[in-house]
Amino acid sequence: MASTTSKDSSNNGKRKKVLLLTGACNGIGKAIVKEFYKSDYNIMINDVQSDELKKIAENTSKVFPKNSNDTKIAHFFGDISQQETSRSLIEETVKQFGGIDILINNISTPGISVIGKTTSNYVEPETTNYFTLEEYGISDRNLKGAYLCIRELVQYIINNKNKAIGNEKNINDMKTKPFSIINISCPFDSISDDMLYKGTISQSGIDPFTSSRSGIKTLTKTIALQLANIGIRVNAIAPGIISTDIHKDAKEGNQKDISKIIPFNRLGTPEEIAHVALFLSTNSASYITGTLIYVDGGLNLLHPNYYLESHLERD
């Protein structure tokens, strides 16, 4: 577990907005880093891939050079489904940057399972409707990691309200601040089984990655209701089939077949998810909470009988 920054975090006495991002090493995570870095946020990134975290921090600073008031990026290695790690992540981010304004939970663990395999290792031609113990380890890690980070952040804000919001005198003043928690979910609980088996490749059937991301939807709504009275907004983004490494096969020849089952007739890009995340982080979204935003090219519009009706029309 380690943390480093690219440069000193001072900014002429005024603190920049701070993003804490978990799951930074996947395609969507990398796009979020770039989008927020360009938008002048200081960023703490977390994942279980130590070397990749360092690479992202270094490359981001090189590709997007700043002026003398440089935006900074730091990294923190560790498994946030462990309570001590999630707590340390919050503490280290505050230590580095003076506070936290935005938390984005993008933890996806194709990373580590209890037997050392990745999510893709569990995908078989015929998936089952039941988890193995190893599969549950992935699902539990993703969902629990998001919950623990939210819990530790909220506790920090409440216990250190004056530090967290500047010179405000009471917690009610937090409502004037753009505190925002964004969870990355998925749309697969709202579309047909036929779609799951035909189009999502590595996420077909009921695999642990998809199920944990679907659980994020309920987590988002319940926590948003609990935190609404103190002005912390909690929302979720449901990406559809996005052109990332997890859909590598689609890039190698099957992309056209997959595109046919998406109303927009194409895969989404990580940047399109990052743009929505940035919007939800700003005051432009100040009256939005407890909402799941589908960024899926229309996948969620395909009701369970869609394919049956399509077949009947062709017949």
Protein backbone atom coordinates (compact mmCIF):
# COMPACT_ATOMS: atom_id res chain seq x y z
CA MET A 1 0.00 0.00 0.00
CA ALA A 2 1.60 3.25 -1.09
CA SER A 3 0.79 6.75 -2.21
CA THR A 4 2.73 9.35 -4.15
CA THR A 5 1.89 12.63 -5.84
CA SER A 6 3.18 14.09 -9.06
CA LYS A 7 3.76 17.54 -7.55
CA ASP A 8 3.24 19.59 -4.42
CA SER A 9 -0.48 20.04 -3.65
CA SER A 10 -0.44 23.76 -2.78
CA ASN A 11 -2.38 26.15 -4.99
CA ASN A 12 -1.73 29.68 -3.76
CA GLY A 13 -3.62 28.94 -0.55
CA LYS A 14 -6.83 27.95 -2.32
CA ARG A 15 -7.73 24.29 -2.52
CA LYS A 16 -8.68 22.84 -5.87
CA LYS A 17 -11.61 20.45 -6.06
CA VAL A 18 -10.56 16.92 -5.28
CA LEU A 19 -11.68 13.69 -6.94
CA LEU A 20 -11.18 10.31 -5.30
CA LEU A 21 -11.53 7.55 -7.88
CA THR A 22 -11.52 3.82 -7.18
CA GLY A 23 -11.10 1.28 -9.97
CA ALA A 24 -8.85 3.65 -11.89
CA CYS A 25 -7.05 1.01 -13.95
CA ASN A 26 -9.88 -0.09 -16.24
CA GLY A 27 -10.91 1.70 -19.44
CA ILE A 28 -13.65 3.82 -17.89
CA GLY A 29 -11.44 4.69 -14.93
CA LYS A 30 -8.63 5.93 -17.17
CA ALA A 31 -11.07 8.07 -19.15
CA ILE A 32 -12.43 9.60 -15.92
CA VAL A 33 -8.91 10.46 -14.80
CA LYS A 34 -8.19 12.31 -18.05
CA GLU A 35 -11.52 14.18 -18.04
CA PHE A 36 -11.21 15.42 -14.47
CA TYR A 37 -7.51 16.19 -14.78
CA LYS A 38 -8.21 18.38 -17.81
CA SER A 39 -10.96 20.05 -15.78
CA ASP A 40 -8.47 21.07 -13.09
CA TYR A 41 -9.33 18.59 -10.32
CA ASN A 42 -6.68 17.20 -8.03
CA ILE A 43 -7.08 13.42 -8.20
CA MET A 44 -6.38 10.43 -5.96
CA ILE A 45 -6.62 7.13 -7.83
CA ASN A 46 -6.98 3.69 -6.27
CA ASP A 47 -6.83 0.12 -7.56
CA VAL A 48 -5.24 -3.25 -6.79
CA GLN A 49 -2.77 -2.94 -9.68
CA SER A 50 0.17 -1.06 -8.22
CA ASP A 51 2.35 -0.76 -11.34
CA GLU A 52 -0.58 0.33 -13.50
CA LEU A 53 -1.55 3.01 -10.97
CA LYS A 54 1.92 4.51 -11.13
CA LYS A 55 1.84 4.42 -14.92
CA ILE A 56 -1.52 6.20 -15.08
CA ALA A 57 -0.34 8.94 -12.71
CA GLU A 58 2.89 9.49 -14.64
CA ASN A 59 1.35 9.37 -18.11
CA THR A 60 -1.53 11.69 -17.20
CA SER A 61 0.89 14.36 -15.98
CA LYS A 62 2.94 14.06 -19.17
CA VAL A 63 0.10 13.98 -21.69
CA PHE A 64 -1.86 16.84 -20.11
CA PRO A 65 0.71 19.41 -18.96
CA LYS A 66 -0.56 22.26 -16.81
CA ASN A 67 0.58 25.75 -15.95
CA SER A 68 2.47 26.78 -12.80
CA ASN A 69 -0.61 25.99 -10.68
CA ASP A 70 -0.41 22.39 -11.72
CA THR A 71 -3.20 19.92 -11.15
CA LYS A 72 -1.91 17.00 -9.14
CA ILE A 73 -2.55 13.28 -9.26
CA ALA A 74 -1.71 10.79 -6.52
CA HIS A 75 -2.14 7.04 -6.27
CA PHE A 76 -3.00 4.67 -3.45
CA PHE A 77 -2.67 0.91 -3.85
CA GLY A 78 -4.99 -1.39 -1.90
CA ASP A 79 -8.15 -3.48 -1.68
CA ILE A 80 -10.90 -1.12 -0.52
CA SER A 81 -13.21 -3.98 0.42
CA GLN A 82 -11.02 -4.14 3.52
CA GLN A 83 -12.21 -1.61 6.09
CA GLU A 84 -8.76 -0.41 7.11
CA THR A 85 -7.77 0.15 3.49
CA SER A 86 -10.86 2.22 2.66
CA ARG A 87 -10.33 4.30 5.80
CA SER A 88 -6.67 4.83 5.01
CA LEU A 89 -7.56 5.84 1.46
CA ILE A 90 -9.85 8.61 2.72
CA GLU A 91 -7.26 9.77 5.25
CA GLU A 92 -4.43 9.79 2.71
CA THR A 93 -6.48 11.73 0.16
CA VAL A 94 -7.31 14.40 2.74
CA LYS A 95 -3.67 14.51 3.81
CA GLN A 96 -2.48 14.97 0.24
CA PHE A 97 -5.09 17.46 -0.98
CA GLY A 98 -6.85 18.95 2.05
CA GLY A 99 -10.29 17.42 1.45
CA ILE A 100 -12.52 15.41 -0.89
CA ASP A 101 -15.30 16.84 -3.07
CA ILE A 102 -16.11 13.94 -5.40
CA LEU A 103 -16.01 10.19 -4.82
CA ILE A 104 -16.42 7.95 -7.86
CA ASN A 105 -16.74 4.25 -7.13
CA ASN A 106 -15.62 2.44 -10.25
CA ILE A 107 -14.21 -0.64 -8.55
CA SER A 108 -14.58 -3.55 -10.93
CA THR A 109 -12.07 -6.17 -9.79
CA PRO A 110 -11.39 -8.15 -12.81
CA GLY A 111 -8.51 -8.11 -10.33
CA ILE A 112 -8.26 -10.57 -7.55
CA SER A 113 -10.53 -13.35 -6.39
CA VAL A 114 -9.96 -15.59 -3.42
CA ILE A 115 -8.20 -18.14 -5.65
CA GLY A 116 -6.28 -15.57 -7.67
CA LYS A 117 -8.33 -15.67 -10.87
CA THR A 118 -9.92 -12.82 -12.75
CA THR A 119 -13.53 -12.38 -13.72
CA SER A 120 -12.87 -13.57 -17.27
CA ASN A 121 -11.52 -16.88 -15.96
CA TYR A 122 -14.99 -17.70 -14.69
CA VAL A 123 -16.81 -17.14 -17.97
CA GLU A 124 -17.79 -20.46 -19.52
CA PRO A 125 -19.77 -21.15 -22.71
CA GLU A 126 -22.69 -22.16 -20.52
CA THR A 127 -22.93 -20.00 -17.43
CA THR A 128 -25.00 -20.95 -14.42
CA ASN A 129 -27.45 -19.00 -12.32
CA TYR A 130 -25.48 -19.62 -9.15
CA PHE A 131 -22.23 -18.29 -7.76
CA THR A 132 -19.34 -20.47 -6.78
CA LEU A 133 -17.66 -19.35 -3.58
CA GLU A 134 -14.83 -17.87 -5.66
CA GLU A 135 -17.25 -15.94 -7.84
CA TYR A 136 -19.01 -14.55 -4.80
CA GLY A 137 -15.65 -13.22 -3.65
CA ILE A 138 -15.57 -10.90 -6.67
CA SER A 139 -19.18 -9.78 -6.28
CA ASP A 140 -18.76 -9.15 -2.58
CA ARG A 141 -15.54 -7.22 -3.09
CA ASN A 142 -16.99 -4.84 -5.66
CA LEU A 143 -20.14 -4.00 -3.74
CA LYS A 144 -18.55 -3.91 -0.30
CA GLY A 145 -15.67 -1.78 -1.54
CA ALA A 146 -18.06 0.88 -2.80
CA TYR A 147 -20.06 0.81 0.43
CA LEU A 148 -17.02 1.10 2.69
CA CYS A 149 -15.56 4.04 0.77
CA ILE A 150 -18.88 5.87 0.96
CA ARG A 151 -19.21 5.14 4.67
CA GLU A 152 -15.68 6.30 5.49
CA LEU A 153 -16.05 9.46 3.42
CA VAL A 154 -19.37 10.38 5.03
CA GLN A 155 -17.95 9.79 8.50
CA TYR A 156 -15.00 12.00 7.67
CA ILE A 157 -17.27 14.80 6.38
CA ILE A 158 -19.54 14.65 9.42
CA ASN A 159 -16.71 14.40 11.96
CA ASN A 160 -14.64 17.11 10.30
CA LYS A 161 -17.34 19.31 8.82
CA ASN A 162 -15.45 22.56 9.29
CA LYS A 163 -12.34 21.18 7.62
CA ALA A 164 -14.37 19.48 4.92
CA ILE A 165 -16.30 22.53 3.83
CA GLY A 166 -13.89 25.33 4.59
CA ASN A 167 -14.99 28.01 7.03
CA GLU A 168 -18.68 27.10 7.18
CA LYS A 169 -20.06 27.03 10.72
CA ASN A 170 -22.47 24.12 10.64
CA ILE A 171 -23.27 21.01 8.69
CA ASN A 172 -26.30 22.59 7.02
CA ASP A 173 -23.92 24.77 5.04
CA MET A 174 -22.73 21.60 3.32
CA LYS A 175 -25.79 21.93 1.10
CA THR A 176 -24.09 24.80 -0.68
CA LYS A 177 -21.12 22.60 -1.56
CA PRO A 178 -21.09 20.21 -4.55
CA PHE A 179 -20.38 17.06 -2.55
CA SER A 180 -21.05 14.26 -4.97
CA ILE A 181 -20.78 10.48 -4.84
CA ILE A 182 -21.02 8.65 -8.16
CA ASN A 183 -21.24 4.88 -8.46
CA ILE A 184 -20.61 3.04 -11.71
CA SER A 185 -23.36 0.46 -12.15
CA CYS A 186 -24.63 -1.40 -15.24
CA PRO A 187 -27.86 -1.68 -17.28
CA PHE A 188 -28.04 -5.47 -17.36
CA ASP A 189 -30.79 -5.78 -14.76
CA SER A 190 -33.17 -3.92 -17.08
CA ILE A 191 -32.71 -5.77 -20.38
CA SER A 192 -33.65 -9.19 -21.65
CA ASP A 193 -31.79 -12.44 -20.99
CA ASP A 194 -31.52 -12.83 -24.75
CA MET A 195 -29.49 -9.64 -24.85
CA LEU A 196 -27.21 -10.86 -22.10
CA TYR A 197 -26.41 -14.09 -23.90
CA LYS A 198 -26.12 -12.56 -27.37
CA GLY A 199 -24.25 -9.37 -26.84
CA THR A 200 -22.29 -8.88 -23.67
CA ILE A 201 -19.64 -11.55 -24.26
CA SER A 202 -17.61 -11.60 -21.03
CA GLN A 203 -20.62 -10.47 -19.01
CA SER A 204 -23.09 -13.09 -20.21
CA GLY A 205 -25.33 -15.00 -17.85
CA ILE A 206 -25.24 -14.06 -14.20
CA ASP A 207 -21.57 -13.49 -13.57
CA PRO A 208 -20.17 -11.88 -10.40
CA PHE A 209 -19.03 -8.66 -12.06
CA THR A 210 -22.44 -7.89 -13.54
CA SER A 211 -24.34 -8.85 -10.42
CA SER A 212 -22.20 -6.65 -8.18
CA ARG A 213 -22.63 -3.72 -10.54
CA SER A 214 -26.40 -4.27 -10.58
CA GLY A 215 -26.41 -4.21 -6.77
CA ILE A 216 -24.86 -0.76 -6.94
CA LYS A 217 -28.20 0.55 -8.22
CA THR A 218 -30.02 -0.27 -4.97
CA LEU A 219 -27.07 0.87 -2.86
CA THR A 220 -27.10 4.23 -4.62
CA LYS A 221 -30.78 4.90 -4.00
CA THR A 222 -30.79 3.90 -0.33
CA ILE A 223 -27.69 5.92 0.50
CA ALA A 224 -28.91 8.93 -1.50
CA LEU A 225 -32.02 9.06 0.66
CA GLN A 226 -30.00 8.85 3.87
CA LEU A 227 -27.63 11.65 2.84
CA ALA A 228 -30.06 14.03 1.14
CA ASN A 229 -30.69 16.07 4.29
CA ILE A 230 -27.02 16.99 4.59
CA GLY A 231 -26.60 17.87 0.94
CA ILE A 232 -24.48 14.95 -0.25
CA ARG A 233 -25.68 13.87 -3.66
CA VAL A 234 -25.42 10.18 -4.61
CA ASN A 235 -26.03 9.04 -8.18
CA ALA A 236 -25.08 6.15 -10.44
CA ILE A 237 -24.10 5.75 -14.07
CA ALA A 238 -25.06 2.59 -15.96
CA PRO A 239 -22.66 2.14 -18.90
CA GLY A 240 -23.81 -0.14 -21.68
CA ILE A 241 -21.42 -2.12 -23.85
CA ILE A 242 -18.33 0.08 -23.83
CA SER A 243 -15.29 -0.31 -26.04
CA THR A 244 -12.74 -1.28 -23.38
CA ASP A 245 -10.37 -4.19 -22.82
CA ILE A 246 -13.16 -6.25 -21.28
CA HIS A 247 -14.71 -6.34 -24.76
CA LYS A 248 -11.46 -7.06 -26.53
CA ASP A 249 -13.08 -9.79 -28.61
CA ALA A 250 -15.50 -7.25 -30.03
CA LYS A 251 -12.61 -5.22 -31.38
CA GLU A 252 -11.19 -8.29 -33.11
CA GLY A 253 -14.14 -9.11 -35.32
CA ASN A 254 -17.41 -9.35 -33.44
CA GLN A 255 -18.03 -5.64 -32.94
CA LYS A 256 -20.46 -5.40 -35.86
CA ASP A 257 -22.54 -8.29 -34.52
CA ILE A 258 -22.72 -6.70 -31.10
CA SER A 259 -23.53 -3.29 -32.55
CA LYS A 260 -26.60 -4.73 -34.24
CA ILE A 261 -28.29 -5.35 -30.90
CA ILE A 262 -27.61 -1.81 -29.63
CA PRO A 263 -30.22 0.76 -30.72
CA PHE A 264 -27.44 3.25 -31.50
CA ASN A 265 -25.70 0.54 -33.58
CA ARG A 266 -22.32 1.07 -31.96
CA LEU A 267 -20.37 0.46 -28.79
CA GLY A 268 -19.99 3.34 -26.37
CA THR A 269 -16.66 4.94 -25.50
CA PRO A 270 -15.09 5.36 -22.06
CA GLU A 271 -14.99 9.10 -22.70
CA GLU A 272 -18.78 9.23 -22.98
CA ILE A 273 -19.04 7.79 -19.47
CA ALA A 274 -16.43 10.24 -18.17
CA HIS A 275 -18.37 13.21 -19.56
CA VAL A 276 -21.48 12.22 -17.62
CA ALA A 277 -19.43 11.67 -14.47
CA LEU A 278 -17.99 15.17 -14.76
CA PHE A 279 -21.47 16.66 -15.21
CA LEU A 280 -22.78 14.89 -12.08
CA SER A 281 -19.81 16.29 -10.17
CA THR A 282 -20.65 19.93 -10.86
CA ASN A 283 -23.19 22.43 -9.59
CA SER A 284 -25.04 21.96 -12.87
CA ALA A 285 -26.31 18.72 -11.32
CA SER A 286 -26.99 20.27 -7.92
CA TYR A 287 -30.61 19.06 -7.77
CA ILE A 288 -29.97 15.50 -8.92
CA THR A 289 -29.65 12.67 -6.41
CA GLY A 290 -30.65 9.01 -6.19
CA THR A 291 -30.71 8.76 -9.97
CA LEU A 292 -29.39 6.05 -12.28
CA ILE A 293 -28.34 7.51 -15.61
CA TYR A 294 -28.19 5.00 -18.47
CA VAL A 295 -25.33 5.70 -20.87
CA ASP A 296 -25.94 2.63 -23.01
CA GLY A 297 -27.02 3.65 -26.49
CA GLY A 298 -30.58 2.60 -25.69
CA LEU A 299 -29.98 -0.91 -24.34
CA ASN A 300 -32.31 -0.35 -21.40
CA LEU A 301 -35.13 0.39 -23.83
CA LEU A 302 -35.20 -3.18 -25.10
CA HIS A 303 -37.95 -4.88 -23.11
CA PRO A 304 -37.94 -8.68 -22.58
CA ASN A 305 -40.23 -9.40 -25.56
CA TYR A 306 -38.23 -7.29 -27.99
CA TYR A 307 -36.44 -10.18 -29.66
CA LEU A 308 -39.50 -12.42 -29.71
CA GLU A 309 -41.45 -9.72 -31.50
CA SER A 310 -38.57 -9.13 -33.91
CA HIS A 311 -38.48 -12.83 -34.82
CA LEU A 312 -42.25 -12.90 -35.33
CA GLU A 313 -42.09 -9.90 -37.64
CA ARG A 314 -39.44 -11.59 -39.78
CA ASP A 315 -41.52 -14.78 -39.96
